[in-house]
Amino acid sequence: MRLMRSGFGVAMLSLSALAAGYYGGRPLLEHVEFARAEADVDATRQQLSTVEDLSTVFRHVGKVVEPSVVNIRVRKTIKESRSRLPEEQLRRFFQQHGGDMPFDFNDDNGEQDLEEIGTGSGVIMDAEGGYGYILTNNHVAGNASEMEVTLSDGRRISGHDVKLMGSDSKRDLAVVSIKADRLMPAKWGDSDELEKGDWVMAFGSPFGYVGSMTHGIVSALNRNQVIPDKQDYEDFIQVDAPINPGNSGGPLVNMHGEVIGINTAIATVSGGFQGIGFAIPSNEAKPVYAALREHGKVVRGWLGISIANVADEPDTAKYFGYQGDTGVMVVETFPNTPASGKLHKGDVIVGFNGQNVTDVSQLRNRVAETEPNAAVTLRVFHDQKEQDVRITLAEQPEDVMAMLGHGNGGAGSSSEDESTQSPEAFGMTFKTLDADTAASLGIGDVKSGVVITAVASGSAAAEAGLRKGFVITEIGRMPIHNAQEAADTLNKLDPTKGVPLYIVTREGSRFLFLKGDSEK
């Protein structure tokens, strides 16, 4: 199964343009009709609080929400590598299609500008002063070179009348403004009131079919780790309402016709709907929308730590004396950040400003939603006891990993003198880390430790996830300086109790818990 963004999919022709000519004249009549339509929506909203028949509810919700939903057709310019096919194969392809190859393999480092065209959805959340403000996904409107917005009444708005006000890749949201009148914005709902089993409806333009509406229930709440290989802010609503490519950016609404989510992604093996869709909760989208509309960007608080769920590291947490099942373990504290000197590797954060903290997603969201320079109080388990730690947050950098220097460096393999006998423990051998090896591994700032030079298949080290090229800097809480020290320390341990190893790679740092059988 693969996870797929539900927008920016296949563009298809819409029949909505047929209505475009209707608004060419007679402005007085248009305003009268708009006033009637607006009054009709307001009256219907009142009826939604008392109506009981399910089909009637669906019809009323559709009538209330559809005027606020838009289709967004987007053109983007992307950089594409030219090395995917051999040069001669590409040359033959272009000759067969009536022309020469439009680039030279020797130019521009093997890249070319390609245009990508797709469609997504959006929802009008405000309308004032002759402008409307549309909330959609970053993967729909972000980095767009051109946009055309089609309203529910068939009007098409493009060119200078459409503007990207700001986008936020971490929450996958964007705000687009349009110059237009006679707009009916949707109303915000409270996503915190949602419960599993609640009826919901999804609106948008799946596969370019403008004005589509589907229904289903809330399947789960607080879903994270949904988008592969992403470290963004995920706390999705999972729904079984059919969501397909092109639905991205459209609203997810409750039975009162209120926006309680923004459709964002689907889990699929076919590329289409298979019963699992995801939406960004409205209570998380609303402050991002406000920030993007007002400032064009989102400013977030930042602690300056790398973290992991206690639930994912239970043995390591217990080794450090923490007996709970939930909480957030500090894996690394970055230098010259708010957490420097106040939080330490192996600490467990269990509270934030008086509220319990159970997992990584919860802590990251609460920190991010707090203004930079605000003082916060963390409840931390440190040195066998809980204590309050007061920290003043900083502003989160645009690219945290780049700022910290992670993800750069060499090939990630270590060289080794084959004539040197390496110490062995738990099925792995080591060599002492030196400056050249650290630089080749992309961790030049690490000054001491040992490099794993080999891991035996089926060994305790292999079972723990240790690999050749990993650098061990601590065993338990004890710093390690050379290969013999590492081997001696591990060989003295009771293998059945195990010990956490602090591992450093160019991708970052983490704990791995090493545990073996009674016989080594």
Protein backbone atom coordinates (compact mmCIF):
# COMPACT_ATOMS: atom_id res chain seq x y z
CA MET A 1 0.00 0.00 0.00
CA ARG A 2 1.20 3.54 -0.69
CA LEU A 3 0.20 6.90 0.66
CA MET A 4 -0.83 9.45 -1.96
CA ARG A 5 -1.69 13.12 -1.77
CA SER A 6 -5.32 13.40 -2.77
CA GLY A 7 -4.88 16.52 -4.88
CA PHE A 8 -2.86 17.67 -7.85
CA GLY A 9 -4.17 14.79 -9.85
CA VAL A 10 -5.64 14.34 -13.30
CA ALA A 11 -7.03 17.45 -14.96
CA MET A 12 -10.27 16.98 -16.90
CA LEU A 13 -12.59 19.37 -18.75
CA SER A 14 -15.41 20.91 -16.73
CA LEU A 15 -18.82 21.93 -17.98
CA SER A 16 -18.96 24.75 -15.45
CA ALA A 17 -17.85 27.27 -18.08
CA LEU A 18 -21.35 27.11 -19.59
CA ALA A 19 -22.61 29.35 -16.82
CA ALA A 20 -19.88 31.96 -17.22
CA GLY A 21 -21.74 34.13 -19.70
CA TYR A 22 -24.72 34.57 -17.41
CA TYR A 23 -22.93 37.19 -15.35
CA GLY A 24 -22.02 39.51 -18.20
CA GLY A 25 -24.64 42.21 -17.55
CA ARG A 26 -27.63 43.41 -15.61
CA PRO A 27 -25.68 44.02 -12.36
CA LEU A 28 -28.81 44.98 -10.39
CA LEU A 29 -30.46 41.65 -11.14
CA GLU A 30 -27.26 39.81 -10.21
CA HIS A 31 -27.07 41.48 -6.81
CA VAL A 32 -30.75 40.79 -6.11
CA GLU A 33 -30.28 37.13 -6.97
CA PHE A 34 -27.12 36.95 -4.87
CA ALA A 35 -28.92 38.49 -1.89
CA ARG A 36 -31.70 35.89 -2.24
CA ALA A 37 -29.14 33.07 -2.45
CA GLU A 38 -27.32 34.41 0.60
CA ALA A 39 -30.57 34.63 2.57
CA ASP A 40 -31.45 31.10 1.48
CA VAL A 41 -28.13 29.80 2.82
CA ASP A 42 -28.64 31.59 6.14
CA ALA A 43 -32.16 30.20 6.50
CA THR A 44 -30.99 26.70 5.67
CA ARG A 45 -28.25 26.91 8.31
CA GLN A 46 -30.95 27.54 10.89
CA GLN A 47 -32.89 24.48 9.71
CA LEU A 48 -29.85 22.23 10.09
CA SER A 49 -30.05 22.44 13.87
CA THR A 50 -33.49 20.79 13.96
CA VAL A 51 -33.78 18.58 10.88
CA GLU A 52 -33.74 14.84 11.59
CA ASP A 53 -34.14 13.07 8.26
CA LEU A 54 -30.66 11.97 7.10
CA SER A 55 -31.21 12.55 3.39
CA THR A 56 -32.58 15.99 4.13
CA VAL A 57 -29.52 16.73 6.24
CA PHE A 58 -27.18 15.74 3.40
CA ARG A 59 -29.13 17.91 0.95
CA HIS A 60 -29.08 20.88 3.30
CA VAL A 61 -25.37 20.51 4.04
CA GLY A 62 -24.65 20.38 0.32
CA LYS A 63 -26.72 23.51 -0.25
CA VAL A 64 -24.86 25.38 2.51
CA VAL A 65 -21.30 24.29 1.70
CA GLU A 66 -21.18 24.00 -2.11
CA PRO A 67 -21.19 27.78 -2.79
CA SER A 68 -17.93 28.03 -0.82
CA VAL A 69 -16.05 25.22 -2.61
CA VAL A 70 -13.77 26.02 -5.55
CA ASN A 71 -11.74 24.13 -8.10
CA ILE A 72 -8.11 25.22 -8.51
CA ARG A 73 -6.28 24.49 -11.74
CA VAL A 74 -2.54 24.92 -11.24
CA ARG A 75 0.52 25.16 -13.45
CA LYS A 76 3.91 24.55 -11.86
CA THR A 77 7.44 24.64 -13.23
CA ILE A 78 9.64 21.86 -11.86
CA LYS A 79 13.23 20.82 -12.32
CA GLU A 80 13.52 17.38 -13.93
CA SER A 81 16.66 15.30 -14.31
CA ARG A 82 17.54 14.42 -17.90
CA SER A 83 19.47 11.31 -16.95
CA ARG A 84 16.50 8.97 -16.55
CA LEU A 85 16.87 7.65 -20.09
CA PRO A 86 19.98 7.22 -22.27
CA GLU A 87 20.69 10.19 -24.55
CA GLU A 88 20.21 8.24 -27.80
CA GLN A 89 16.86 6.82 -26.61
CA LEU A 90 15.60 10.31 -25.81
CA ARG A 91 16.86 11.63 -29.17
CA ARG A 92 14.95 8.91 -31.07
CA PHE A 93 11.80 9.68 -29.06
CA PHE A 94 11.80 13.37 -30.05
CA GLN A 95 12.62 12.58 -33.69
CA GLN A 96 9.66 10.20 -33.86
CA HIS A 97 7.44 13.00 -32.58
CA GLY A 98 8.49 15.53 -35.18
CA GLY A 99 11.44 17.44 -33.79
CA ASP A 100 14.91 17.54 -32.35
CA MET A 101 15.72 16.96 -28.72
CA PRO A 102 15.02 20.34 -27.05
CA PHE A 103 18.12 20.29 -24.83
CA ASP A 104 21.78 19.35 -24.81
CA PHE A 105 22.99 16.77 -22.33
CA ASN A 106 26.07 18.89 -21.75
CA ASP A 107 24.10 21.93 -20.59
CA ASP A 108 22.55 22.97 -17.27
CA ASN A 109 23.87 20.05 -15.24
CA GLY A 110 21.46 17.58 -16.82
CA GLU A 111 18.27 19.33 -15.69
CA GLN A 112 15.42 20.93 -17.56
CA ASP A 113 12.36 22.94 -16.64
CA LEU A 114 9.17 20.93 -17.04
CA GLU A 115 5.61 22.15 -16.63
CA GLU A 116 3.21 20.23 -14.43
CA ILE A 117 -0.53 20.86 -14.66
CA GLY A 118 -3.07 19.53 -12.21
CA THR A 119 -6.20 20.32 -10.27
CA GLY A 120 -7.16 20.50 -6.64
CA SER A 121 -9.83 22.03 -4.49
CA GLY A 122 -10.22 24.80 -1.95
CA VAL A 123 -12.77 26.45 0.28
CA ILE A 124 -13.58 30.16 0.65
CA MET A 125 -13.22 31.02 4.36
CA ASP A 126 -13.54 34.83 4.18
CA ALA A 127 -14.89 37.43 1.74
CA GLU A 128 -14.47 41.17 2.19
CA GLY A 129 -13.59 44.28 0.22
CA GLY A 130 -14.12 42.61 -3.15
CA TYR A 131 -11.75 39.75 -2.36
CA GLY A 132 -12.17 36.16 -1.29
CA TYR A 133 -9.67 34.11 0.73
CA ILE A 134 -9.38 30.43 -0.08
CA LEU A 135 -7.82 27.74 2.12
CA THR A 136 -6.26 24.81 0.26
CA ASN A 137 -3.24 22.48 0.47
CA ASN A 138 0.35 23.52 -0.04
CA HIS A 139 0.81 20.57 -2.40
CA VAL A 140 -2.00 22.03 -4.52
CA ALA A 141 -1.12 25.74 -4.65
CA GLY A 142 2.41 26.00 -3.26
CA ASN A 143 5.04 27.10 -5.82
CA ALA A 144 2.36 27.64 -8.46
CA SER A 145 3.41 29.73 -11.44
CA GLU A 146 -0.20 30.12 -12.66
CA MET A 147 -3.62 29.42 -11.11
CA GLU A 148 -7.19 29.46 -12.33
CA VAL A 149 -9.99 29.30 -9.77
CA THR A 150 -13.46 28.09 -10.80
CA LEU A 151 -16.30 29.08 -8.47
CA SER A 152 -19.40 27.01 -7.86
CA ASP A 153 -21.47 29.31 -10.07
CA GLY A 154 -19.14 28.72 -13.02
CA ARG A 155 -17.12 31.93 -12.91
CA ARG A 156 -13.42 31.47 -13.69
CA ILE A 157 -10.83 33.75 -12.15
CA SER A 158 -7.22 33.78 -13.29
CA GLY A 159 -4.19 35.95 -14.01
CA HIS A 160 -3.55 38.89 -11.69
CA ASP A 161 -6.90 38.32 -9.95
CA VAL A 162 -5.52 35.16 -8.28
CA LYS A 163 -2.65 35.40 -5.81
CA LEU A 164 -0.87 32.93 -3.54
CA MET A 165 -0.74 34.76 -0.20
CA GLY A 166 1.41 32.18 1.54
CA SER A 167 2.00 28.47 2.01
CA ASP A 168 3.19 26.21 4.79
CA SER A 169 4.79 22.92 3.80
CA LYS A 170 4.95 21.63 7.38
CA ARG A 171 1.15 21.66 7.73
CA ASP A 172 0.55 21.30 3.97
CA LEU A 173 -1.71 24.36 3.82
CA ALA A 174 -1.86 27.43 1.59
CA VAL A 175 -4.02 30.54 1.26
CA VAL A 176 -5.06 31.96 -2.12
CA SER A 177 -6.80 35.29 -2.63
CA ILE A 178 -9.14 36.03 -5.52
CA LYS A 179 -10.59 39.31 -6.72
CA ALA A 180 -14.34 38.71 -6.96
CA ASP A 181 -17.65 39.73 -5.45
CA ARG A 182 -20.80 37.77 -4.58
CA LEU A 183 -18.86 35.18 -2.58
CA MET A 184 -20.26 33.07 0.25
CA PRO A 185 -17.62 31.90 2.73
CA ALA A 186 -17.93 28.70 4.73
CA LYS A 187 -18.07 28.61 8.52
CA TRP A 188 -15.44 27.11 10.80
CA GLY A 189 -16.39 24.16 12.99
CA ASP A 190 -14.72 22.78 16.12
CA SER A 191 -12.70 19.69 15.23
CA ASP A 192 -12.05 18.99 18.94
CA GLU A 193 -15.72 18.02 19.25
CA LEU A 194 -15.34 15.17 16.73
CA GLU A 195 -15.64 11.59 17.88
CA LYS A 196 -15.12 8.31 16.11
CA GLY A 197 -18.35 7.41 14.29
CA ASP A 198 -19.50 10.99 13.59
CA TRP A 199 -20.99 11.59 10.14
CA VAL A 200 -18.86 13.79 7.87
CA MET A 201 -19.03 14.97 4.26
CA ALA A 202 -16.14 15.68 1.89
CA PHE A 203 -16.35 18.28 -0.89
CA GLY A 204 -14.03 18.95 -3.81
CA SER A 205 -13.17 18.24 -7.44
CA PRO A 206 -12.04 14.61 -7.69
CA PHE A 207 -10.48 13.95 -11.11
CA GLY A 208 -11.65 17.44 -12.12
CA TYR A 209 -15.35 16.77 -11.48
CA VAL A 210 -16.29 20.09 -9.91
CA GLY A 211 -18.94 20.19 -7.19
CA SER A 212 -18.60 16.61 -5.94
CA MET A 213 -19.81 15.61 -2.47
CA THR A 214 -19.33 12.34 -0.59
CA HIS A 215 -20.19 11.18 2.91
CA GLY A 216 -18.87 8.79 5.53
CA ILE A 217 -17.85 8.64 9.16
CA VAL A 218 -14.84 9.56 11.25
CA SER A 219 -12.81 6.35 11.35
CA ALA A 220 -10.11 7.56 13.77
CA LEU A 221 -8.58 10.70 15.24
CA ASN A 222 -5.03 11.92 15.88
CA ARG A 223 -3.42 9.89 13.11
CA ASN A 224 0.28 10.66 12.64
CA GLN A 225 3.22 9.22 10.70
CA VAL A 226 0.89 9.14 7.71
CA ILE A 227 3.06 10.77 5.03
CA PRO A 228 6.18 8.58 4.44
CA ASP A 229 9.62 10.11 5.08
CA LYS A 230 8.14 13.34 6.43
CA GLN A 231 8.75 14.97 9.80
CA ASP A 232 5.96 17.50 9.59
CA TYR A 233 3.06 18.27 11.91
CA GLU A 234 0.60 15.42 11.49
CA ASP A 235 -2.52 14.94 13.58
CA PHE A 236 -5.00 13.83 10.94
CA ILE A 237 -8.69 12.97 11.04
CA GLN A 238 -9.12 9.58 9.34
CA VAL A 239 -12.38 9.19 7.41
CA ASP A 240 -14.02 6.63 5.14
CA ALA A 241 -15.77 9.29 3.07
CA PRO A 242 -14.56 8.73 -0.53
CA ILE A 243 -11.62 11.05 -1.26
CA ASN A 244 -9.79 10.87 -4.59
CA PRO A 245 -7.08 12.78 -6.49
CA GLY A 246 -8.39 16.31 -6.94
CA ASN A 247 -10.15 16.39 -3.56
CA SER A 248 -7.08 17.87 -1.88
CA GLY A 249 -7.76 21.23 -0.28
CA GLY A 250 -11.53 20.71 -0.23
CA PRO A 251 -13.44 20.96 3.05
CA LEU A 252 -14.47 18.13 5.33
CA VAL A 253 -17.66 19.25 7.09
CA ASN A 254 -19.90 18.10 9.92
CA MET A 255 -23.67 17.67 9.94
CA HIS A 256 -24.13 21.39 10.60
CA GLY A 257 -22.30 22.33 7.41
CA GLU A 258 -19.24 23.59 9.32
CA VAL A 259 -15.67 23.05 8.14
CA ILE A 260 -13.97 20.64 10.56
CA GLY A 261 -11.09 19.57 8.29
CA ILE A 262 -9.18 20.05 5.03
CA ASN A 263 -8.91 16.94 2.82
CA THR A 264 -5.24 16.13 2.34
CA ALA A 265 -4.21 12.53 1.63
CA ILE A 266 -5.37 8.97 0.96
CA ALA A 267 -3.89 5.56 1.69
CA THR A 268 -4.08 3.52 -1.51
CA VAL A 269 -2.54 0.72 -3.54
CA SER A 270 -4.40 1.65 -6.73
CA GLY A 271 -4.01 5.42 -6.75
CA GLY A 272 -7.70 5.96 -5.97
CA PHE A 273 -10.00 5.79 -2.95
CA GLN A 274 -9.83 2.60 -0.88
CA GLY A 275 -11.64 3.56 2.29
CA ILE A 276 -8.92 5.51 4.10
CA GLY A 277 -8.69 9.28 3.75
CA PHE A 278 -7.04 11.93 5.91
CA ALA A 279 -7.91 15.54 6.71
CA ILE A 280 -6.16 18.29 8.67
CA PRO A 281 -8.35 19.21 11.69
CA SER A 282 -9.92 22.67 11.49
CA ASN A 283 -8.56 23.70 14.89
CA GLU A 284 -5.05 23.19 13.52
CA ALA A 285 -5.78 24.67 10.09
CA LYS A 286 -7.44 27.83 11.44
CA PRO A 287 -4.34 29.47 13.04
CA VAL A 288 -2.22 28.55 10.01
CA TYR A 289 -4.84 30.12 7.72
CA ALA A 290 -4.82 33.30 9.82
CA ALA A 291 -1.01 33.51 9.83
CA LEU A 292 -0.70 32.92 6.08
CA ARG A 293 -3.39 35.46 5.27
CA GLU A 294 -1.90 38.11 7.54
CA HIS A 295 1.85 37.48 7.30
CA GLY A 296 2.38 35.12 4.36
CA LYS A 297 4.18 32.61 6.58
CA VAL A 298 3.82 30.68 9.83
CA VAL A 299 6.09 31.38 12.79
CA ARG A 300 6.51 28.48 15.23
CA GLY A 301 8.05 27.96 18.62
CA TRP A 302 11.09 25.71 18.92
CA LEU A 303 12.88 23.89 21.74
CA GLY A 304 15.90 22.57 19.82
CA ILE A 305 15.70 18.86 20.64
CA SER A 306 15.31 15.53 18.88
CA ILE A 307 12.67 13.32 20.50
CA ALA A 308 11.14 9.83 20.45
CA ASN A 309 8.06 8.20 21.95
CA VAL A 310 8.65 6.37 25.21
CA ALA A 311 6.29 3.72 23.81
CA ASP A 312 8.85 3.10 21.05
CA GLU A 313 11.81 2.99 23.47
CA PRO A 314 10.45 1.21 26.59
CA ASP A 315 13.67 -0.61 27.48
CA THR A 316 15.78 2.55 27.21
CA ALA A 317 13.29 4.53 29.32
CA LYS A 318 13.27 1.84 32.05
CA TYR A 319 17.08 1.69 32.01
CA PHE A 320 17.09 5.40 32.91
CA GLY A 321 14.60 4.73 35.72
CA TYR A 322 11.36 5.89 34.10
CA GLN A 323 8.52 3.44 34.77
CA GLY A 324 5.72 5.06 32.74
CA ASP A 325 4.37 3.85 29.41
CA THR A 326 3.80 7.26 27.81
CA GLY A 327 5.82 10.43 27.44
CA VAL A 328 8.49 11.83 25.14
CA MET A 329 12.17 10.93 25.47
CA VAL A 330 14.86 13.49 24.67
CA VAL A 331 17.24 11.87 22.18
CA GLU A 332 19.44 14.87 21.44
CA THR A 333 19.76 18.47 22.61
CA PHE A 334 21.16 20.76 19.93
CA PRO A 335 23.79 23.35 20.86
CA ASN A 336 22.90 27.04 21.10
CA THR A 337 19.16 26.36 21.32
CA PRO A 338 16.62 27.01 24.12
CA ALA A 339 17.04 23.46 25.45
CA SER A 340 20.84 23.64 25.72
CA GLY A 341 21.92 22.93 29.30
CA LYS A 342 18.32 22.46 30.45
CA LEU A 343 17.32 19.17 28.84
CA HIS A 344 19.55 16.11 28.52
CA LYS A 345 19.68 12.85 26.57
CA GLY A 346 17.44 10.30 28.25
CA ASP A 347 15.15 12.86 29.94
CA VAL A 348 11.44 12.12 29.59
CA ILE A 349 9.01 15.02 29.03
CA VAL A 350 5.60 14.27 30.56
CA GLY A 351 4.00 17.73 30.72
CA PHE A 352 3.82 21.04 28.85
CA ASN A 353 2.40 24.12 30.58
CA GLY A 354 0.38 22.01 32.99
CA GLN A 355 -1.02 19.64 30.35
CA ASN A 356 0.00 16.00 30.13
CA VAL A 357 2.23 14.99 27.21
CA THR A 358 1.86 11.42 25.98
CA ASP A 359 3.60 11.30 22.59
CA VAL A 360 5.86 13.08 20.12
CA SER A 361 3.05 14.46 17.96
CA GLN A 362 1.36 16.06 20.94
CA LEU A 363 4.53 17.75 22.19
CA ARG A 364 5.64 18.95 18.75
CA ASN A 365 2.22 20.46 18.04
CA ARG A 366 2.03 22.27 21.37
CA VAL A 367 5.51 23.71 21.05
CA ALA A 368 4.88 24.77 17.44
CA GLU A 369 1.61 26.49 18.35
CA THR A 370 3.34 28.57 21.05
CA GLU A 371 4.77 31.95 20.07
CA PRO A 372 8.57 32.29 19.96
CA ASN A 373 10.05 34.08 23.02
CA ALA A 374 7.27 32.68 25.19
CA ALA A 375 8.38 31.05 28.45
CA VAL A 376 7.01 27.53 28.90
CA THR A 377 7.17 25.01 31.74
CA LEU A 378 8.05 21.41 30.96
CA ARG A 379 7.46 18.59 33.43
CA VAL A 380 10.56 16.41 33.01
CA PHE A 381 11.73 13.09 34.47
CA HIS A 382 15.46 13.54 35.14
CA ASP A 383 17.83 11.74 37.52
CA GLN A 384 15.13 9.45 38.92
CA LYS A 385 12.60 12.19 39.70
CA GLU A 386 10.15 14.59 38.05
CA GLN A 387 10.90 18.30 38.06
CA ASP A 388 9.70 21.47 36.31
CA VAL A 389 12.02 23.04 33.74
CA ARG A 390 11.39 26.61 32.58
CA ILE A 391 12.47 27.34 28.97
CA THR A 392 12.01 30.34 26.67
CA LEU A 393 11.19 29.16 23.15
CA ALA A 394 12.98 30.37 20.03
CA GLU A 395 11.65 30.69 16.48
CA GLN A 396 11.83 27.48 14.49
CA PRO A 397 14.24 27.70 11.53
CA GLU A 398 12.80 27.19 8.05
CA ASP A 399 14.97 24.10 7.49
CA VAL A 400 15.91 22.60 10.85
CA MET A 401 17.99 19.75 9.46
CA ALA A 402 20.01 22.04 7.19
CA MET A 403 20.62 24.45 10.06
CA LEU A 404 21.92 21.61 12.21
CA GLY A 405 24.07 20.24 9.40
CA HIS A 406 22.32 16.84 9.20
CA GLY A 407 21.89 15.11 5.89
CA ASN A 408 25.23 16.27 4.51
CA GLY A 409 28.55 14.54 4.28
CA GLY A 410 30.12 11.58 2.64
CA ALA A 411 28.93 8.23 1.49
CA GLY A 412 28.22 6.95 4.99
CA SER A 413 30.74 4.13 4.99
CA SER A 414 33.83 3.82 7.13
CA SER A 415 37.28 2.83 6.02
CA GLU A 416 39.22 0.38 8.11
CA ASP A 417 42.72 -0.98 8.31
CA GLU A 418 42.18 -4.67 7.52
CA SER A 419 45.49 -5.55 9.22
CA THR A 420 44.20 -4.26 12.57
CA GLN A 421 42.34 -6.72 14.80
CA SER A 422 39.11 -5.00 15.93
CA PRO A 423 37.62 -5.73 19.37
CA GLU A 424 34.34 -7.70 19.33
CA ALA A 425 31.22 -7.68 21.51
CA PHE A 426 27.61 -8.81 20.99
CA GLY A 427 28.39 -9.84 17.41
CA MET A 428 29.97 -6.59 16.20
CA THR A 429 33.47 -5.19 15.85
CA PHE A 430 34.64 -1.59 16.30
CA LYS A 431 37.37 0.82 15.47
CA THR A 432 38.16 4.08 17.23
CA LEU A 433 36.62 7.14 15.54
CA ASP A 434 39.13 9.58 14.05
CA ALA A 435 38.65 12.96 12.40
CA ASP A 436 38.94 11.66 8.82
CA THR A 437 36.41 8.89 9.40
CA ALA A 438 34.00 11.29 11.13
CA ALA A 439 34.24 13.66 8.16
CA SER A 440 33.65 10.83 5.66
CA LEU A 441 30.55 9.79 7.60
CA GLY A 442 29.18 13.35 7.56
CA ILE A 443 29.50 13.80 11.35
CA GLY A 444 32.62 15.92 11.53
CA ASP A 445 31.47 17.61 14.75
CA VAL A 446 31.64 14.28 16.66
CA LYS A 447 35.02 14.16 18.37
CA SER A 448 35.05 10.76 20.10
CA GLY A 449 33.38 7.38 19.86
CA VAL A 450 33.72 4.13 17.95
CA VAL A 451 32.69 3.11 14.44
CA ILE A 452 31.02 -0.27 13.96
CA THR A 453 33.12 -2.05 11.33
CA ALA A 454 31.10 -5.28 11.05
CA VAL A 455 27.88 -6.82 12.39
CA ALA A 456 27.37 -10.58 12.37
CA SER A 457 24.12 -11.83 10.87
CA GLY A 458 21.70 -13.05 13.54
CA SER A 459 23.72 -11.50 16.37
CA ALA A 460 22.34 -9.44 19.25
CA ALA A 461 23.76 -6.34 17.56
CA ALA A 462 21.93 -7.13 14.32
CA GLU A 463 18.68 -7.77 16.20
CA ALA A 464 19.03 -4.35 17.88
CA GLY A 465 19.27 -2.65 14.48
CA LEU A 466 22.98 -1.83 14.62
CA ARG A 467 24.75 -1.55 11.26
CA LYS A 468 28.23 -1.13 9.86
CA GLY A 469 29.15 2.58 9.79
CA PHE A 470 27.07 3.54 12.85
CA VAL A 471 29.01 5.50 15.46
CA ILE A 472 28.56 4.72 19.17
CA THR A 473 29.36 7.66 21.46
CA GLU A 474 27.80 6.45 24.74
CA ILE A 475 26.97 3.13 26.39
CA GLY A 476 24.33 3.72 29.04
CA ARG A 477 25.30 7.22 30.14
CA MET A 478 29.05 6.59 29.88
CA PRO A 479 30.97 8.33 27.07
CA ILE A 480 33.07 5.99 24.90
CA HIS A 481 36.49 7.06 23.63
CA ASN A 482 38.04 4.06 21.87
CA ALA A 483 37.30 0.61 20.47
CA GLN A 484 38.82 -1.40 23.30
CA GLU A 485 36.87 0.61 25.88
CA ALA A 486 33.62 -0.07 24.00
CA ALA A 487 34.27 -3.81 23.79
CA ASP A 488 35.36 -4.09 27.44
CA THR A 489 32.32 -2.14 28.66
CA LEU A 490 29.87 -4.26 26.68
CA ASN A 491 31.52 -7.56 27.60
CA LYS A 492 31.18 -6.75 31.32
CA LEU A 493 27.42 -6.25 31.02
CA ASP A 494 24.71 -8.75 31.89
CA PRO A 495 23.36 -9.37 28.37
CA THR A 496 19.89 -10.31 29.65
CA LYS A 497 19.42 -6.84 31.18
CA GLY A 498 20.72 -4.96 28.16
CA VAL A 499 21.89 -1.38 27.74
CA PRO A 500 21.01 1.63 25.54
CA LEU A 501 23.65 2.68 23.02
CA TYR A 502 23.73 6.26 21.78
CA ILE A 503 24.11 6.10 18.00
CA VAL A 504 25.16 8.96 15.70
CA THR A 505 24.82 8.94 11.91
CA ARG A 506 24.67 11.73 9.33
CA GLU A 507 20.84 11.46 9.49
CA GLY A 508 20.83 12.27 13.23
CA SER A 509 21.15 10.63 16.63
CA ARG A 510 19.08 8.08 18.53
CA PHE A 511 19.10 5.36 21.17
CA LEU A 512 19.22 1.67 20.27
CA PHE A 513 18.74 -0.89 23.03
CA LEU A 514 21.19 -3.77 22.90
CA LYS A 515 20.16 -6.99 24.61
CA GLY A 516 21.48 -10.53 24.24
CA ASP A 517 21.15 -14.06 25.53
CA SER A 518 22.76 -15.22 28.74
CA GLU A 519 25.47 -16.92 26.68
CA LYS A 520 27.50 -14.54 24.52
